[in-house]
Amino acid sequence: EAIDSGVSAQEILDGGLLKGMGEIGVQFKNNEVYVPEVLIAARALNK
């Protein structure tokens, strides 16, 4: 949808995908989420 709306690949990567994964990383470090949550987030990142 973002691609179709003309959002640049860099913006989608940085502001969407990597931002989300970065926040999961912080939560993981703080023991707010655990390995299973990281794994499913990583799968979503890959998709």
All heavy atoms as atom14 arrays in JSON, in Angstrom:
{
  "sequence": "EAIDSGVSAQEILDGGLLKGMGEIGVQFKNNEVYVPEVLIAARALNK",
  "atom14_mask": [
    [1, 1, 1, 1, 1, 1, 1, 1, 1, 0, 0, 0, 0, 0],
    [1, 1, 1, 1, 1, 0, 0, 0, 0, 0, 0, 0, 0, 0],
    [1, 1, 1, 1, 1, 1, 1, 1, 0, 0, 0, 0, 0, 0],
    [1, 1, 1, 1, 1, 1, 1, 1, 0, 0, 0, 0, 0, 0],
    [1, 1, 1, 1, 1, 1, 0, 0, 0, 0, 0, 0, 0, 0],
    [1, 1, 1, 1, 0, 0, 0, 0, 0, 0, 0, 0, 0, 0],
    [1, 1, 1, 1, 1, 1, 1, 0, 0, 0, 0, 0, 0, 0],
    [1, 1, 1, 1, 1, 1, 0, 0, 0, 0, 0, 0, 0, 0],
    [1, 1, 1, 1, 1, 0, 0, 0, 0, 0, 0, 0, 0, 0],
    [1, 1, 1, 1, 1, 1, 1, 1, 1, 0, 0, 0, 0, 0],
    [1, 1, 1, 1, 1, 1, 1, 1, 1, 0, 0, 0, 0, 0],
    [1, 1, 1, 1, 1, 1, 1, 1, 0, 0, 0, 0, 0, 0],
    [1, 1, 1, 1, 1, 1, 1, 1, 0, 0, 0, 0, 0, 0],
    [1, 1, 1, 1, 1, 1, 1, 1, 0, 0, 0, 0, 0, 0],
    [1, 1, 1, 1, 0, 0, 0, 0, 0, 0, 0, 0, 0, 0],
    [1, 1, 1, 1, 0, 0, 0, 0, 0, 0, 0, 0, 0, 0],
    [1, 1, 1, 1, 1, 1, 1, 1, 0, 0, 0, 0, 0, 0],
    [1, 1, 1, 1, 1, 1, 1, 1, 0, 0, 0, 0, 0, 0],
    [1, 1, 1, 1, 1, 1, 1, 1, 1, 0, 0, 0, 0, 0],
    [1, 1, 1, 1, 0, 0, 0, 0, 0, 0, 0, 0, 0, 0],
    [1, 1, 1, 1, 1, 1, 1, 1, 0, 0, 0, 0, 0, 0],
    [1, 1, 1, 1, 0, 0, 0, 0, 0, 0, 0, 0, 0, 0],
    [1, 1, 1, 1, 1, 1, 1, 1, 1, 0, 0, 0, 0, 0],
    [1, 1, 1, 1, 1, 1, 1, 1, 0, 0, 0, 0, 0, 0],
    [1, 1, 1, 1, 0, 0, 0, 0, 0, 0, 0, 0, 0, 0],
    [1, 1, 1, 1, 1, 1, 1, 0, 0, 0, 0, 0, 0, 0],
    [1, 1, 1, 1, 1, 1, 1, 1, 1, 0, 0, 0, 0, 0],
    [1, 1, 1, 1, 1, 1, 1, 1, 1, 1, 1, 0, 0, 0],
    [1, 1, 1, 1, 1, 1, 1, 1, 1, 0, 0, 0, 0, 0],
    [1, 1, 1, 1, 1, 1, 1, 1, 0, 0, 0, 0, 0, 0],
    [1, 1, 1, 1, 1, 1, 1, 1, 0, 0, 0, 0, 0, 0],
    [1, 1, 1, 1, 1, 1, 1, 1, 1, 0, 0, 0, 0, 0],
    [1, 1, 1, 1, 1, 1, 1, 0, 0, 0, 0, 0, 0, 0],
    [1, 1, 1, 1, 1, 1, 1, 1, 1, 1, 1, 1, 0, 0],
    [1, 1, 1, 1, 1, 1, 1, 0, 0, 0, 0, 0, 0, 0],
    [1, 1, 1, 1, 1, 1, 1, 0, 0, 0, 0, 0, 0, 0],
    [1, 1, 1, 1, 1, 1, 1, 1, 1, 0, 0, 0, 0, 0],
    [1, 1, 1, 1, 1, 1, 1, 0, 0, 0, 0, 0, 0, 0],
    [1, 1, 1, 1, 1, 1, 1, 1, 0, 0, 0, 0, 0, 0],
    [1, 1, 1, 1, 1, 1, 1, 1, 0, 0, 0, 0, 0, 0],
    [1, 1, 1, 1, 1, 0, 0, 0, 0, 0, 0, 0, 0, 0],
    [1, 1, 1, 1, 1, 0, 0, 0, 0, 0, 0, 0, 0, 0],
    [1, 1, 1, 1, 1, 1, 1, 1, 1, 1, 1, 0, 0, 0],
    [1, 1, 1, 1, 1, 0, 0, 0, 0, 0, 0, 0, 0, 0],
    [1, 1, 1, 1, 1, 1, 1, 1, 0, 0, 0, 0, 0, 0],
    [1, 1, 1, 1, 1, 1, 1, 1, 0, 0, 0, 0, 0, 0],
    [1, 1, 1, 1, 1, 1, 1, 1, 1, 0, 0, 0, 0, 0]
  ],
  "atom14_positions": [
    [[0.85, -1.21, 0.0], [0.0, 0.0, 0.0], [0.88, 1.26, 0.0], [0.6, 2.23, -0.72], [-0.87, -0.03, 1.26], [-2.12, 0.84, 1.18], [-2.95, 0.75, 2.47], [-3.24, -0.37, 2.92], [-3.28, 1.82, 3.01], [0.0, 0.0, 0.0], [0.0, 0.0, 0.0], [0.0, 0.0, 0.0], [0.0, 0.0, 0.0], [0.0, 0.0, 0.0]],
    [[1.93, 1.24, 0.81], [2.84, 2.39, 0.89], [3.57, 2.59, -0.44], [3.71, 3.73, -0.91], [3.86, 2.17, 2.02], [0.0, 0.0, 0.0], [0.0, 0.0, 0.0], [0.0, 0.0, 0.0], [0.0, 0.0, 0.0], [0.0, 0.0, 0.0], [0.0, 0.0, 0.0], [0.0, 0.0, 0.0], [0.0, 0.0, 0.0], [0.0, 0.0, 0.0]],
    [[4.0, 1.49, -1.07], [4.65, 1.57, -2.39], [3.68, 2.18, -3.4], [4.03, 3.1, -4.15], [5.11, 0.17, -2.87], [6.26, -0.35, -2.0], [5.55, 0.2, -4.34], [6.6, -1.82, -2.21], [0.0, 0.0, 0.0], [0.0, 0.0, 0.0], [0.0, 0.0, 0.0], [0.0, 0.0, 0.0], [0.0, 0.0, 0.0], [0.0, 0.0, 0.0]],
    [[2.44, 1.68, -3.4], [1.42, 2.17, -4.34], [1.08, 3.64, -4.11], [0.66, 4.34, -5.03], [0.15, 1.31, -4.24], [0.37, -0.13, -4.66], [1.38, -0.41, -5.35], [-0.46, -1.0, -4.29], [0.0, 0.0, 0.0], [0.0, 0.0, 0.0], [0.0, 0.0, 0.0], [0.0, 0.0, 0.0], [0.0, 0.0, 0.0], [0.0, 0.0, 0.0]],
    [[1.26, 4.09, -2.86], [0.96, 5.49, -2.52], [2.12, 6.42, -2.85], [2.06, 7.63, -2.59], [0.64, 5.61, -1.02], [-0.44, 4.78, -0.68], [0.0, 0.0, 0.0], [0.0, 0.0, 0.0], [0.0, 0.0, 0.0], [0.0, 0.0, 0.0], [0.0, 0.0, 0.0], [0.0, 0.0, 0.0], [0.0, 0.0, 0.0], [0.0, 0.0, 0.0]],
    [[3.24, 5.84, -3.35], [4.37, 6.67, -3.76], [5.37, 6.97, -2.65], [6.23, 7.84, -2.8], [0.0, 0.0, 0.0], [0.0, 0.0, 0.0], [0.0, 0.0, 0.0], [0.0, 0.0, 0.0], [0.0, 0.0, 0.0], [0.0, 0.0, 0.0], [0.0, 0.0, 0.0], [0.0, 0.0, 0.0], [0.0, 0.0, 0.0], [0.0, 0.0, 0.0]],
    [[5.25, 6.27, -1.53], [6.23, 6.46, -0.45], [7.55, 5.81, -0.9], [7.55, 4.73, -1.47], [5.74, 5.82, 0.87], [6.73, 6.1, 2.0], [4.35, 6.34, 1.24], [0.0, 0.0, 0.0], [0.0, 0.0, 0.0], [0.0, 0.0, 0.0], [0.0, 0.0, 0.0], [0.0, 0.0, 0.0], [0.0, 0.0, 0.0], [0.0, 0.0, 0.0]],
    [[8.68, 6.47, -0.64], [9.96, 5.94, -1.1], [10.34, 4.68, -0.31], [9.93, 4.49, 0.83], [11.07, 6.98, -0.95], [11.46, 7.09, 0.41], [0.0, 0.0, 0.0], [0.0, 0.0, 0.0], [0.0, 0.0, 0.0], [0.0, 0.0, 0.0], [0.0, 0.0, 0.0], [0.0, 0.0, 0.0], [0.0, 0.0, 0.0], [0.0, 0.0, 0.0]],
    [[11.14, 3.84, -0.95], [11.59, 2.59, -0.32], [12.36, 2.89, 0.97], [12.21, 2.2, 1.98], [12.46, 1.8, -1.29], [0.0, 0.0, 0.0], [0.0, 0.0, 0.0], [0.0, 0.0, 0.0], [0.0, 0.0, 0.0], [0.0, 0.0, 0.0], [0.0, 0.0, 0.0], [0.0, 0.0, 0.0], [0.0, 0.0, 0.0], [0.0, 0.0, 0.0]],
    [[13.19, 3.93, 0.93], [13.99, 4.31, 2.11], [13.08, 4.67, 3.28], [13.32, 4.27, 4.42], [14.91, 5.48, 1.77], [15.91, 5.82, 2.87], [17.1, 4.88, 2.91], [17.89, 4.86, 1.98], [17.21, 4.1, 3.97], [0.0, 0.0, 0.0], [0.0, 0.0, 0.0], [0.0, 0.0, 0.0], [0.0, 0.0, 0.0], [0.0, 0.0, 0.0]],
    [[12.03, 5.45, 2.99], [11.09, 5.85, 4.06], [10.36, 4.64, 4.64], [10.18, 4.54, 5.85], [10.06, 6.84, 3.5], [10.56, 8.25, 3.32], [9.46, 9.15, 2.75], [9.17, 9.06, 1.54], [8.89, 9.91, 3.54], [0.0, 0.0, 0.0], [0.0, 0.0, 0.0], [0.0, 0.0, 0.0], [0.0, 0.0, 0.0], [0.0, 0.0, 0.0]],
    [[9.93, 3.74, 3.75], [9.21, 2.54, 4.21], [10.13, 1.68, 5.08], [9.74, 1.18, 6.13], [8.67, 1.7, 3.01], [7.66, 2.53, 2.21], [8.04, 0.39, 3.48], [7.3, 1.94, 0.84], [0.0, 0.0, 0.0], [0.0, 0.0, 0.0], [0.0, 0.0, 0.0], [0.0, 0.0, 0.0], [0.0, 0.0, 0.0], [0.0, 0.0, 0.0]],
    [[11.38, 1.56, 4.62], [12.36, 0.76, 5.36], [12.65, 1.38, 6.72], [12.52, 0.72, 7.76], [13.66, 0.64, 4.54], [14.74, -0.28, 5.1], [14.29, -1.74, 5.07], [16.04, -0.11, 4.33], [0.0, 0.0, 0.0], [0.0, 0.0, 0.0], [0.0, 0.0, 0.0], [0.0, 0.0, 0.0], [0.0, 0.0, 0.0], [0.0, 0.0, 0.0]],
    [[13.03, 2.66, 6.72], [13.46, 3.32, 7.96], [12.29, 3.62, 8.9], [12.36, 3.32, 10.09], [14.19, 4.63, 7.64], [15.52, 4.39, 6.95], [16.03, 3.26, 6.99], [16.06, 5.35, 6.36], [0.0, 0.0, 0.0], [0.0, 0.0, 0.0], [0.0, 0.0, 0.0], [0.0, 0.0, 0.0], [0.0, 0.0, 0.0], [0.0, 0.0, 0.0]],
    [[11.24, 4.22, 8.35], [10.14, 4.7, 9.19], [9.1, 3.65, 9.53], [8.28, 3.85, 10.45], [0.0, 0.0, 0.0], [0.0, 0.0, 0.0], [0.0, 0.0, 0.0], [0.0, 0.0, 0.0], [0.0, 0.0, 0.0], [0.0, 0.0, 0.0], [0.0, 0.0, 0.0], [0.0, 0.0, 0.0], [0.0, 0.0, 0.0], [0.0, 0.0, 0.0]],
    [[9.14, 2.51, 8.82], [8.17, 1.44, 9.07], [8.82, 0.2, 9.61], [8.75, -0.12, 10.8], [0.0, 0.0, 0.0], [0.0, 0.0, 0.0], [0.0, 0.0, 0.0], [0.0, 0.0, 0.0], [0.0, 0.0, 0.0], [0.0, 0.0, 0.0], [0.0, 0.0, 0.0], [0.0, 0.0, 0.0], [0.0, 0.0, 0.0], [0.0, 0.0, 0.0]],
    [[9.54, -0.5, 8.73], [10.09, -1.82, 9.07], [11.19, -1.75, 10.14], [11.11, -2.42, 11.17], [10.63, -2.5, 7.8], [9.57, -2.81, 6.73], [10.25, -3.25, 5.44], [8.61, -3.89, 7.21], [0.0, 0.0, 0.0], [0.0, 0.0, 0.0], [0.0, 0.0, 0.0], [0.0, 0.0, 0.0], [0.0, 0.0, 0.0], [0.0, 0.0, 0.0]],
    [[12.23, -0.94, 9.9], [13.35, -0.92, 10.83], [12.98, -0.23, 12.15], [13.49, -0.6, 13.21], [14.57, -0.22, 10.2], [15.13, -0.86, 8.93], [16.45, -0.21, 8.53], [15.32, -2.37, 9.09], [0.0, 0.0, 0.0], [0.0, 0.0, 0.0], [0.0, 0.0, 0.0], [0.0, 0.0, 0.0], [0.0, 0.0, 0.0], [0.0, 0.0, 0.0]],
    [[12.07, 0.71, 12.08], [11.6, 1.38, 13.31], [10.92, 0.35, 14.22], [11.19, 0.27, 15.42], [10.63, 2.5, 12.96], [10.09, 3.26, 14.16], [9.3, 4.49, 13.71], [8.75, 5.28, 14.89], [7.51, 4.69, 15.43], [0.0, 0.0, 0.0], [0.0, 0.0, 0.0], [0.0, 0.0, 0.0], [0.0, 0.0, 0.0], [0.0, 0.0, 0.0]],
    [[10.04, -0.45, 13.62], [9.34, -1.48, 14.4], [10.29, -2.49, 15.0], [10.2, -2.84, 16.18], [0.0, 0.0, 0.0], [0.0, 0.0, 0.0], [0.0, 0.0, 0.0], [0.0, 0.0, 0.0], [0.0, 0.0, 0.0], [0.0, 0.0, 0.0], [0.0, 0.0, 0.0], [0.0, 0.0, 0.0], [0.0, 0.0, 0.0], [0.0, 0.0, 0.0]],
    [[11.26, -2.95, 14.19], [12.2, -3.96, 14.66], [13.11, -3.37, 15.74], [13.48, -4.06, 16.7], [13.02, -4.51, 13.49], [13.64, -5.85, 13.75], [12.44, -7.17, 13.97], [13.44, -8.37, 14.87], [0.0, 0.0, 0.0], [0.0, 0.0, 0.0], [0.0, 0.0, 0.0], [0.0, 0.0, 0.0], [0.0, 0.0, 0.0], [0.0, 0.0, 0.0]],
    [[13.46, -2.11, 15.58], [14.29, -1.43, 16.59], [13.57, -1.35, 17.93], [14.18, -1.56, 18.99], [0.0, 0.0, 0.0], [0.0, 0.0, 0.0], [0.0, 0.0, 0.0], [0.0, 0.0, 0.0], [0.0, 0.0, 0.0], [0.0, 0.0, 0.0], [0.0, 0.0, 0.0], [0.0, 0.0, 0.0], [0.0, 0.0, 0.0], [0.0, 0.0, 0.0]],
    [[12.27, -1.07, 17.89], [11.48, -0.97, 19.13], [11.35, -2.35, 19.8], [11.41, -2.46, 21.03], [10.11, -0.36, 18.83], [10.2, 1.14, 18.56], [8.91, 1.74, 18.02], [7.87, 1.03, 17.98], [8.93, 2.93, 17.63], [0.0, 0.0, 0.0], [0.0, 0.0, 0.0], [0.0, 0.0, 0.0], [0.0, 0.0, 0.0], [0.0, 0.0, 0.0]],
    [[11.2, -3.39, 18.98], [11.18, -4.76, 19.52], [12.52, -5.07, 20.19], [12.57, -5.7, 21.25], [10.89, -5.79, 18.39], [9.38, -5.86, 18.1], [11.41, -7.19, 18.73], [8.57, -6.66, 19.1], [0.0, 0.0, 0.0], [0.0, 0.0, 0.0], [0.0, 0.0, 0.0], [0.0, 0.0, 0.0], [0.0, 0.0, 0.0], [0.0, 0.0, 0.0]],
    [[13.6, -4.61, 19.57], [14.94, -4.82, 20.15], [15.06, -4.19, 21.52], [15.61, -4.81, 22.45], [0.0, 0.0, 0.0], [0.0, 0.0, 0.0], [0.0, 0.0, 0.0], [0.0, 0.0, 0.0], [0.0, 0.0, 0.0], [0.0, 0.0, 0.0], [0.0, 0.0, 0.0], [0.0, 0.0, 0.0], [0.0, 0.0, 0.0], [0.0, 0.0, 0.0]],
    [[14.55, -2.98, 21.68], [14.6, -2.3, 22.97], [13.75, -3.05, 24.0], [14.18, -3.27, 25.14], [14.1, -0.83, 22.82], [13.94, -0.18, 24.2], [15.07, -0.03, 21.97], [0.0, 0.0, 0.0], [0.0, 0.0, 0.0], [0.0, 0.0, 0.0], [0.0, 0.0, 0.0], [0.0, 0.0, 0.0], [0.0, 0.0, 0.0], [0.0, 0.0, 0.0]],
    [[12.56, -3.49, 23.57], [11.68, -4.25, 24.49], [12.33, -5.57, 24.91], [12.24, -5.98, 26.06], [10.33, -4.52, 23.81], [9.47, -3.28, 23.64], [8.17, -3.6, 22.91], [8.16, -4.29, 21.91], [7.07, -3.09, 23.43], [0.0, 0.0, 0.0], [0.0, 0.0, 0.0], [0.0, 0.0, 0.0], [0.0, 0.0, 0.0], [0.0, 0.0, 0.0]],
    [[13.02, -6.21, 23.96], [13.69, -7.47, 24.25], [14.81, -7.25, 25.27], [14.97, -8.02, 26.22], [14.25, -8.05, 22.94], [14.98, -9.36, 23.09], [14.32, -10.49, 23.52], [16.33, -9.46, 22.79], [14.99, -11.71, 23.67], [17.01, -10.66, 22.92], [16.34, -11.79, 23.36], [0.0, 0.0, 0.0], [0.0, 0.0, 0.0], [0.0, 0.0, 0.0]],
    [[15.55, -6.18, 25.08], [16.65, -5.84, 25.99], [16.12, -5.57, 27.4], [16.77, -5.89, 28.39], [17.37, -4.6, 25.44], [18.72, -4.35, 26.05], [19.4, -3.19, 25.34], [20.65, -2.77, 26.06], [21.28, -1.62, 25.43], [0.0, 0.0, 0.0], [0.0, 0.0, 0.0], [0.0, 0.0, 0.0], [0.0, 0.0, 0.0], [0.0, 0.0, 0.0]],
    [[14.92, -4.99, 27.48], [14.32, -4.66, 28.77], [13.46, -5.78, 29.35], [12.72, -5.58, 30.32], [13.47, -3.38, 28.64], [14.3, -2.16, 28.3], [15.48, -2.12, 28.61], [13.69, -1.18, 27.66], [0.0, 0.0, 0.0], [0.0, 0.0, 0.0], [0.0, 0.0, 0.0], [0.0, 0.0, 0.0], [0.0, 0.0, 0.0], [0.0, 0.0, 0.0]],
    [[13.55, -6.97, 28.72], [12.75, -8.13, 29.15], [11.24, -7.89, 29.12], [10.49, -8.46, 29.91], [13.16, -8.59, 30.56], [14.57, -9.15, 30.59], [14.97, -9.87, 29.68], [15.34, -8.8, 31.61], [0.0, 0.0, 0.0], [0.0, 0.0, 0.0], [0.0, 0.0, 0.0], [0.0, 0.0, 0.0], [0.0, 0.0, 0.0], [0.0, 0.0, 0.0]],
    [[10.8, -7.02, 28.18], [9.36, -6.77, 28.03], [8.75, -7.74, 27.0], [7.55, -7.99, 27.02], [9.13, -5.32, 27.6], [9.49, -4.32, 28.7], [9.64, -2.9, 28.16], [9.24, -2.63, 27.02], [10.18, -2.05, 28.9], [0.0, 0.0, 0.0], [0.0, 0.0, 0.0], [0.0, 0.0, 0.0], [0.0, 0.0, 0.0], [0.0, 0.0, 0.0]],
    [[9.6, -8.22, 26.08], [9.19, -9.3, 25.17], [10.31, -10.35, 25.18], [11.41, -10.07, 25.65], [8.95, -8.8, 23.72], [7.83, -7.79, 23.65], [10.23, -8.24, 23.1], [0.0, 0.0, 0.0], [0.0, 0.0, 0.0], [0.0, 0.0, 0.0], [0.0, 0.0, 0.0], [0.0, 0.0, 0.0], [0.0, 0.0, 0.0], [0.0, 0.0, 0.0]],
    [[9.98, -11.53, 24.65], [10.94, -12.64, 24.73], [11.21, -13.22, 23.34], [10.71, -12.71, 22.35], [10.42, -13.68, 25.72], [10.26, -13.09, 27.1], [9.0, -12.64, 27.53], [11.35, -12.91, 27.94], [8.86, -12.04, 28.78], [11.21, -12.31, 29.19], [9.96, -11.87, 29.61], [9.83, -11.27, 30.82], [0.0, 0.0, 0.0], [0.0, 0.0, 0.0]],
    [[12.03, -14.27, 23.29], [12.48, -14.82, 22.01], [11.33, -15.09, 21.02], [11.42, -14.72, 19.85], [13.35, -16.08, 22.23], [13.67, -16.77, 20.91], [14.65, -15.71, 22.94], [0.0, 0.0, 0.0], [0.0, 0.0, 0.0], [0.0, 0.0, 0.0], [0.0, 0.0, 0.0], [0.0, 0.0, 0.0], [0.0, 0.0, 0.0], [0.0, 0.0, 0.0]],
    [[10.21, -15.72, 21.44], [9.14, -15.99, 20.45], [8.62, -14.73, 19.77], [8.39, -14.73, 18.56], [8.04, -16.66, 21.3], [8.77, -17.25, 22.45], [9.88, -16.29, 22.76], [0.0, 0.0, 0.0], [0.0, 0.0, 0.0], [0.0, 0.0, 0.0], [0.0, 0.0, 0.0], [0.0, 0.0, 0.0], [0.0, 0.0, 0.0], [0.0, 0.0, 0.0]],
    [[8.47, -13.64, 20.54], [7.98, -12.38, 19.96], [8.99, -11.8, 18.96], [8.62, -11.26, 17.92], [7.7, -11.34, 21.05], [6.48, -11.63, 21.9], [6.78, -12.42, 23.17], [7.83, -13.09, 23.23], [5.95, -12.37, 24.08], [0.0, 0.0, 0.0], [0.0, 0.0, 0.0], [0.0, 0.0, 0.0], [0.0, 0.0, 0.0], [0.0, 0.0, 0.0]],
    [[10.27, -11.93, 19.31], [11.32, -11.44, 18.39], [11.29, -12.25, 17.09], [11.4, -11.69, 16.0], [12.72, -11.53, 19.05], [13.8, -11.14, 18.05], [12.8, -10.62, 20.27], [0.0, 0.0, 0.0], [0.0, 0.0, 0.0], [0.0, 0.0, 0.0], [0.0, 0.0, 0.0], [0.0, 0.0, 0.0], [0.0, 0.0, 0.0], [0.0, 0.0, 0.0]],
    [[11.11, -13.55, 17.22], [11.1, -14.42, 16.03], [9.93, -14.08, 15.1], [10.12, -14.01, 13.88], [11.03, -15.9, 16.45], [12.25, -16.46, 17.18], [12.0, -17.89, 17.64], [13.49, -16.41, 16.29], [0.0, 0.0, 0.0], [0.0, 0.0, 0.0], [0.0, 0.0, 0.0], [0.0, 0.0, 0.0], [0.0, 0.0, 0.0], [0.0, 0.0, 0.0]],
    [[8.75, -13.87, 15.67], [7.61, -13.58, 14.77], [7.71, -12.17, 14.19], [7.3, -11.92, 13.05], [6.22, -13.84, 15.41], [5.98, -12.99, 16.67], [6.01, -15.31, 15.7], [4.51, -12.99, 17.1], [0.0, 0.0, 0.0], [0.0, 0.0, 0.0], [0.0, 0.0, 0.0], [0.0, 0.0, 0.0], [0.0, 0.0, 0.0], [0.0, 0.0, 0.0]],
    [[8.3, -11.24, 14.96], [8.53, -9.89, 14.42], [9.53, -9.95, 13.27], [9.37, -9.29, 12.23], [9.02, -8.94, 15.51], [0.0, 0.0, 0.0], [0.0, 0.0, 0.0], [0.0, 0.0, 0.0], [0.0, 0.0, 0.0], [0.0, 0.0, 0.0], [0.0, 0.0, 0.0], [0.0, 0.0, 0.0], [0.0, 0.0, 0.0], [0.0, 0.0, 0.0]],
    [[10.59, -10.76, 13.44], [11.61, -10.91, 12.4], [11.02, -11.53, 11.14], [11.38, -11.15, 10.03], [12.77, -11.75, 12.92], [0.0, 0.0, 0.0], [0.0, 0.0, 0.0], [0.0, 0.0, 0.0], [0.0, 0.0, 0.0], [0.0, 0.0, 0.0], [0.0, 0.0, 0.0], [0.0, 0.0, 0.0], [0.0, 0.0, 0.0], [0.0, 0.0, 0.0]],
    [[10.1, -12.47, 11.33], [9.44, -13.09, 10.16], [8.6, -12.03, 9.41], [8.61, -11.98, 8.18], [8.55, -14.25, 10.63], [8.01, -15.1, 9.47], [7.15, -16.23, 9.99], [5.97, -15.71, 10.68], [5.18, -16.46, 11.45], [5.47, -17.71, 11.69], [4.11, -15.93, 12.03], [0.0, 0.0, 0.0], [0.0, 0.0, 0.0], [0.0, 0.0, 0.0]],
    [[7.92, -11.18, 10.17], [7.14, -10.11, 9.55], [8.06, -9.12, 8.82], [7.75, -8.65, 7.73], [6.31, -9.38, 10.62], [0.0, 0.0, 0.0], [0.0, 0.0, 0.0], [0.0, 0.0, 0.0], [0.0, 0.0, 0.0], [0.0, 0.0, 0.0], [0.0, 0.0, 0.0], [0.0, 0.0, 0.0], [0.0, 0.0, 0.0], [0.0, 0.0, 0.0]],
    [[9.22, -8.83, 9.43], [10.22, -7.96, 8.79], [10.66, -8.55, 7.45], [10.72, -7.85, 6.43], [11.43, -7.79, 9.71], [12.66, -7.1, 9.11], [12.4, -5.6, 8.94], [13.89, -7.32, 9.96], [0.0, 0.0, 0.0], [0.0, 0.0, 0.0], [0.0, 0.0, 0.0], [0.0, 0.0, 0.0], [0.0, 0.0, 0.0], [0.0, 0.0, 0.0]],
    [[10.95, -9.85, 7.45], [11.4, -10.52, 6.23], [10.34, -10.46, 5.13], [10.66, -10.23, 3.96], [11.78, -11.98, 6.52], [13.06, -12.09, 7.32], [13.87, -11.17, 7.32], [13.24, -13.18, 8.03], [0.0, 0.0, 0.0], [0.0, 0.0, 0.0], [0.0, 0.0, 0.0], [0.0, 0.0, 0.0], [0.0, 0.0, 0.0], [0.0, 0.0, 0.0]],
    [[9.08, -10.65, 5.51], [7.99, -10.59, 4.53], [7.88, -9.18, 3.95], [7.67, -9.0, 2.75], [6.65, -11.0, 5.19], [6.56, -12.48, 5.51], [6.52, -13.33, 4.26], [6.34, -14.8, 4.57], [6.47, -15.64, 3.36], [0.0, 0.0, 0.0], [0.0, 0.0, 0.0], [0.0, 0.0, 0.0], [0.0, 0.0, 0.0], [0.0, 0.0, 0.0]]
  ]
}
